[in-house]
PDB file of N, CA and C in Angstrom:
ATOM      1  N   UNK A   1       0.834  -1.210   0.000  1.00  0.00           N
ATOM      2  CA  UNK A   1       0.000   0.000   0.000  1.00  0.00           C
ATOM      3  C   UNK A   1       0.872   1.265   0.000  1.00  0.00           C
ATOM      4  N   UNK A   2       2.057   1.153   0.595  1.00  0.00           N
ATOM      5  CA  UNK A   2       2.940   2.326   0.648  1.00  0.00           C
ATOM      6  C   UNK A   2       3.401   2.721  -0.749  1.00  0.00           C
ATOM      7  N   UNK A   3       3.453   1.726  -1.628  1.00  0.00           N
ATOM      8  CA  UNK A   3       3.903   2.000  -2.996  1.00  0.00           C
ATOM      9  C   UNK A   3       2.958   2.988  -3.669  1.00  0.00           C
ATOM     10  N   UNK A   4       1.666   2.778  -3.476  1.00  0.00           N
ATOM     11  CA  UNK A   4       0.673   3.657  -4.098  1.00  0.00           C
ATOM     12  C   UNK A   4       0.860   5.085  -3.577  1.00  0.00           C
ATOM     13  N   UNK A   5       1.080   5.202  -2.291  1.00  0.00           N
ATOM     14  CA  UNK A   5       1.263   6.522  -1.677  1.00  0.00           C
ATOM     15  C   UNK A   5       2.484   7.221  -2.278  1.00  0.00           C
ATOM     16  N   UNK A   6       3.553   6.473  -2.415  1.00  0.00           N
ATOM     17  CA  UNK A   6       4.784   7.037  -2.978  1.00  0.00           C
ATOM     18  C   UNK A   6       4.549   7.471  -4.422  1.00  0.00           C
ATOM     19  N   UNK A   7       3.880   6.624  -5.180  1.00  0.00           N
ATOM     20  CA  UNK A   7       3.614   6.943  -6.588  1.00  0.00           C
ATOM     21  C   UNK A   7       2.730   8.184  -6.686  1.00  0.00           C
ATOM     22  N   UNK A   8       1.739   8.238  -5.810  1.00  0.00           N
ATOM     23  CA  UNK A   8       0.833   9.391  -5.813  1.00  0.00           C
ATOM     24  C   UNK A   8       1.603  10.669  -5.494  1.00  0.00           C
ATOM     25  N   UNK A   9       2.449  10.601  -4.477  1.00  0.00           N
ATOM     26  CA  UNK A   9       3.246  11.770  -4.093  1.00  0.00           C
ATOM     27  C   UNK A   9       4.135  12.222  -5.239  1.00  0.00           C
ATOM     28  N   UNK A  10       4.790  11.250  -5.873  1.00  0.00           N
ATOM     29  CA  UNK A  10       5.681  11.575  -6.993  1.00  0.00           C
ATOM     30  C   UNK A  10       4.876  12.185  -8.132  1.00  0.00           C
ATOM     31  N   UNK A  11       3.695  11.636  -8.388  1.00  0.00           N
ATOM     32  CA  UNK A  11       2.849  12.138  -9.473  1.00  0.00           C
ATOM     33  C   UNK A  11       2.410  13.568  -9.186  1.00  0.00           C
ATOM     34  N   UNK A  12       1.982  13.810  -7.963  1.00  0.00           N
ATOM     35  CA  UNK A  12       1.530  15.159  -7.581  1.00  0.00           C
ATOM     36  C   UNK A  12       2.684  16.155  -7.701  1.00  0.00           C
ATOM     37  N   UNK A  13       3.860  15.734  -7.233  1.00  0.00           N
ATOM     38  CA  UNK A  13       5.034  16.610  -7.310  1.00  0.00           C
ATOM     39  C   UNK A  13       5.369  16.908  -8.766  1.00  0.00           C
ATOM     40  N   UNK A  14       5.343  15.875  -9.582  1.00  0.00           N
ATOM     41  CA  UNK A  14       5.669  16.037 -11.001  1.00  0.00           C
ATOM     42  C   UNK A  14       4.666  16.967 -11.674  1.00  0.00           C
ATOM     43  N   UNK A  15       3.421  16.938 -11.212  1.00  0.00           N
ATOM     44  CA  UNK A  15       2.388  17.788 -11.809  1.00  0.00           C
ATOM     45  C   UNK A  15       2.464  19.202 -11.245  1.00  0.00           C
ATOM     46  N   UNK A  16       2.875  19.322  -9.984  1.00  0.00           N
ATOM     47  CA  UNK A  16       2.898  20.629  -9.327  1.00  0.00           C
ATOM     48  C   UNK A  16       4.095  21.464  -9.772  1.00  0.00           C
ATOM     49  N   UNK A  17       5.246  20.818  -9.983  1.00  0.00           N
ATOM     50  CA  UNK A  17       6.450  21.576 -10.351  1.00  0.00           C
ATOM     51  C   UNK A  17       6.275  22.325 -11.676  1.00  0.00           C
ATOM     52  N   UNK A  18       5.846  21.669 -12.743  1.00  0.00           N
ATOM     53  CA  UNK A  18       5.647  22.392 -14.014  1.00  0.00           C
ATOM     54  C   UNK A  18       4.563  23.455 -13.873  1.00  0.00           C
ATOM     55  N   UNK A  19       3.539  23.164 -13.071  1.00  0.00           N
ATOM     56  CA  UNK A  19       2.452  24.134 -12.879  1.00  0.00           C
ATOM     57  C   UNK A  19       3.000  25.401 -12.233  1.00  0.00           C
ATOM     58  N   UNK A  20       3.861  25.220 -11.254  1.00  0.00           N
ATOM     59  CA  UNK A  20       4.453  26.387 -10.578  1.00  0.00           C
ATOM     60  C   UNK A  20       5.371  27.123 -11.545  1.00  0.00           C
ATOM     61  N   UNK A  21       6.060  26.359 -12.369  1.00  0.00           N
ATOM     62  CA  UNK A  21       6.959  26.965 -13.355  1.00  0.00           C
ATOM     63  C   UNK A  21       6.136  27.838 -14.310  1.00  0.00           C
ATOM     64  N   UNK A  22       4.983  27.313 -14.721  1.00  0.00           N
ATOM     65  CA  UNK A  22       4.104  28.059 -15.628  1.00  0.00           C
ATOM     66  C   UNK A  22       3.607  29.328 -14.937  1.00  0.00           C
ATOM     67  N   UNK A  23       3.175  29.166 -13.689  1.00  0.00           N
ATOM     68  CA  UNK A  23       2.672  30.312 -12.930  1.00  0.00           C
ATOM     69  C   UNK A  23       3.763  31.369 -12.804  1.00  0.00           C
ATOM     70  N   UNK A  24       4.986  30.913 -12.591  1.00  0.00           N
ATOM     71  CA  UNK A  24       6.116  31.835 -12.466  1.00  0.00           C
ATOM     72  C   UNK A  24       6.299  32.598 -13.781  1.00  0.00           C
ATOM     73  N   UNK A  25       6.232  31.865 -14.879  1.00  0.00           N
ATOM     74  CA  UNK A  25       6.423  32.503 -16.184  1.00  0.00           C
ATOM     75  C   UNK A  25       5.283  33.460 -16.500  1.00  0.00           C
ATOM     76  N   UNK A  26       4.056  33.070 -16.173  1.00  0.00           N
ATOM     77  CA  UNK A  26       2.898  33.912 -16.492  1.00  0.00           C
ATOM     78  C   UNK A  26       2.840  35.123 -15.566  1.00  0.00           C
ATOM     79  N   UNK A  27       3.112  34.893 -14.274  1.00  0.00           N
ATOM     80  CA  UNK A  27       3.021  35.974 -13.286  1.00  0.00           C
ATOM     81  C   UNK A  27       4.276  36.829 -13.248  1.00  0.00           C
ATOM     82  N   UNK A  28       5.286  36.452 -14.013  1.00  0.00           N
ATOM     83  CA  UNK A  28       6.510  37.238 -14.017  1.00  0.00           C
ATOM     84  C   UNK A  28       7.272  37.095 -12.705  1.00  0.00           C
ATOM     85  N   UNK A  29       6.955  36.060 -11.912  1.00  0.00           N
ATOM     86  CA  UNK A  29       7.689  35.835 -10.664  1.00  0.00           C
ATOM     87  C   UNK A  29       7.246  36.771  -9.560  1.00  0.00           C
ATOM     88  N   UNK A  30       6.033  37.334  -9.665  1.00  0.00           N
ATOM     89  CA  UNK A  30       5.531  38.200  -8.600  1.00  0.00           C
ATOM     90  C   UNK A  30       5.393  37.419  -7.291  1.00  0.00           C
ATOM     91  N   UNK A  31       5.804  37.955  -6.177  1.00  0.00           N
ATOM     92  CA  UNK A  31       5.727  37.300  -4.866  1.00  0.00           C
ATOM     93  C   UNK A  31       6.445  35.962  -4.901  1.00  0.00           C
ATOM     94  N   UNK A  32       7.407  35.814  -5.768  1.00  0.00           N
ATOM     95  CA  UNK A  32       8.160  34.561  -5.832  1.00  0.00           C
ATOM     96  C   UNK A  32       7.353  33.442  -6.467  1.00  0.00           C
ATOM     97  N   UNK A  33       6.132  33.741  -6.945  1.00  0.00           N
ATOM     98  CA  UNK A  33       5.309  32.732  -7.589  1.00  0.00           C
ATOM     99  C   UNK A  33       4.821  31.684  -6.623  1.00  0.00           C
ATOM    100  N   UNK A  34       4.870  31.998  -5.328  1.00  0.00           N
ATOM    101  CA  UNK A  34       4.458  31.002  -4.340  1.00  0.00           C
ATOM    102  C   UNK A  34       2.938  31.041  -4.126  1.00  0.00           C
ATOM    103  N   UNK A  35       2.345  32.225  -4.099  1.00  0.00           N
ATOM    104  CA  UNK A  35       0.901  32.333  -3.897  1.00  0.00           C
ATOM    105  C   UNK A  35       0.167  31.965  -5.181  1.00  0.00           C
ATOM    106  N   UNK A  36      -0.894  31.181  -5.062  1.00  0.00           N
ATOM    107  CA  UNK A  36      -1.604  30.715  -6.260  1.00  0.00           C
ATOM    108  C   UNK A  36      -2.844  31.557  -6.504  1.00  0.00           C
ATOM    109  N   UNK A  37      -2.643  32.838  -6.734  1.00  0.00           N
ATOM    110  CA  UNK A  37      -3.780  33.716  -6.987  1.00  0.00           C
ATOM    111  C   UNK A  37      -3.524  34.535  -8.244  1.00  0.00           C
TER     112      UNK A  37
END
């Protein structure tokens, strides 16, 4: 069961990193691109 959790975490991370990168590019890095607004 731990395998699924690990895979899920890795998947979420893999999906979140590019999303943040996109937000950074679109927002011009305002507020460090940390806030999702």
